[in-house]
């Protein structure tokens, strides 16, 4: 929960009746953004992570195009789903 508050996805409410509430409407949250905050990168291989260093073998890697395509499918899938779809 702390990660979601730090990412401004939730608001912590103190005191009697406190807890957590959404900072936006459910349809404004993508499942992908929630997963990345709670689980980290959605990249299917380390070299495709957002902040990964350039792989010295990228130019000769026979499987990189396949992993790149799969990585895009995973990203697009989770970012196309909204929290409101799960409610």
Protein backbone atom coordinates (compact mmCIF):
# COMPACT_ATOMS: atom_id res chain seq x y z
CA UNK A 1 0.00 0.00 0.00
CA UNK A 2 2.87 2.33 0.81
CA UNK A 3 4.20 2.07 -2.76
CA UNK A 4 0.77 2.98 -4.15
CA UNK A 5 0.56 6.01 -1.83
CA UNK A 6 4.10 7.09 -2.76
CA UNK A 7 3.15 6.82 -6.45
CA UNK A 8 0.03 8.96 -5.76
CA UNK A 9 -2.29 6.16 -6.84
CA UNK A 10 -3.86 5.99 -3.37
CA UNK A 11 -4.45 8.49 -0.60
CA UNK A 12 -3.92 7.41 2.98
CA UNK A 13 -6.60 8.61 5.37
CA UNK A 14 -5.66 8.76 9.06
CA UNK A 15 -7.86 8.57 12.11
CA UNK A 16 -11.17 6.98 12.89
CA UNK A 17 -12.60 5.39 9.77
CA UNK A 18 -9.25 5.87 8.07
CA UNK A 19 -7.72 3.66 5.44
CA UNK A 20 -6.99 4.19 1.78
CA UNK A 21 -8.94 5.67 -1.08
CA UNK A 22 -8.29 6.08 -4.78
CA UNK A 23 -6.79 9.38 -5.87
CA UNK A 24 -8.50 9.14 -9.28
CA UNK A 25 -11.53 7.50 -10.84
CA UNK A 26 -11.13 3.71 -11.39
CA UNK A 27 -11.30 4.16 -15.17
CA UNK A 28 -8.23 6.43 -15.00
CA UNK A 29 -5.95 3.68 -13.65
CA UNK A 30 -4.37 1.17 -15.97
CA UNK A 31 -3.61 -2.26 -14.58
CA UNK A 32 -0.13 -1.86 -16.08
CA UNK A 33 0.70 1.18 -14.00
CA UNK A 34 -0.50 -0.55 -10.83
CA UNK A 35 1.56 -3.65 -11.60
CA UNK A 36 4.68 -1.63 -12.34
CA UNK A 37 4.38 0.23 -9.03
CA UNK A 38 3.77 -2.93 -7.00
CA UNK A 39 5.83 -5.50 -8.93
CA UNK A 40 8.41 -3.50 -10.86
CA UNK A 41 9.14 -3.62 -14.55
CA UNK A 42 6.83 -5.64 -16.80
CA UNK A 43 9.72 -6.26 -19.20
CA UNK A 44 9.87 -9.92 -20.19
CA UNK A 45 13.68 -9.89 -20.39
CA UNK A 46 16.10 -7.64 -18.49
CA UNK A 47 17.55 -5.98 -21.58
CA UNK A 48 14.12 -4.54 -22.42
CA UNK A 49 13.59 -2.90 -19.02
CA UNK A 50 13.05 0.85 -19.21
CA UNK A 51 16.37 1.77 -17.57
CA UNK A 52 18.42 -1.16 -18.83
CA UNK A 53 21.88 -0.52 -20.14
CA UNK A 54 22.32 -1.07 -23.86
CA UNK A 55 23.09 -4.73 -24.41
CA UNK A 56 26.38 -5.20 -26.25
CA UNK A 57 24.86 -8.19 -28.07
CA UNK A 58 21.65 -6.44 -29.17
CA UNK A 59 22.85 -6.07 -32.76
CA UNK A 60 23.53 -9.78 -33.12
CA UNK A 61 20.84 -11.20 -30.85
CA UNK A 62 18.68 -13.51 -32.94
CA UNK A 63 15.87 -13.59 -30.38
CA UNK A 64 15.63 -9.87 -29.56
CA UNK A 65 12.94 -9.16 -32.19
CA UNK A 66 10.76 -11.93 -30.72
CA UNK A 67 11.26 -10.68 -27.15
CA UNK A 68 10.60 -7.09 -28.22
CA UNK A 69 7.33 -8.06 -29.88
CA UNK A 70 6.27 -10.15 -26.89
CA UNK A 71 7.27 -7.33 -24.51
CA UNK A 72 5.08 -4.89 -26.47
CA UNK A 73 2.13 -7.32 -26.33
CA UNK A 74 2.46 -7.66 -22.53
CA UNK A 75 2.76 -3.90 -22.07
CA UNK A 76 -0.14 -3.08 -24.39
CA UNK A 77 -2.35 -5.74 -22.80
CA UNK A 78 -1.92 -4.56 -19.21
CA UNK A 79 -2.02 -0.88 -20.09
CA UNK A 80 -5.26 -1.39 -22.04
CA UNK A 81 -7.01 -2.84 -18.97
CA UNK A 82 -8.45 -0.38 -16.50
CA UNK A 83 -9.10 -0.83 -12.80
CA UNK A 84 -12.77 -0.25 -13.56
CA UNK A 85 -12.69 -3.39 -15.78
CA UNK A 86 -11.92 -5.43 -12.67
CA UNK A 87 -14.62 -3.98 -10.43
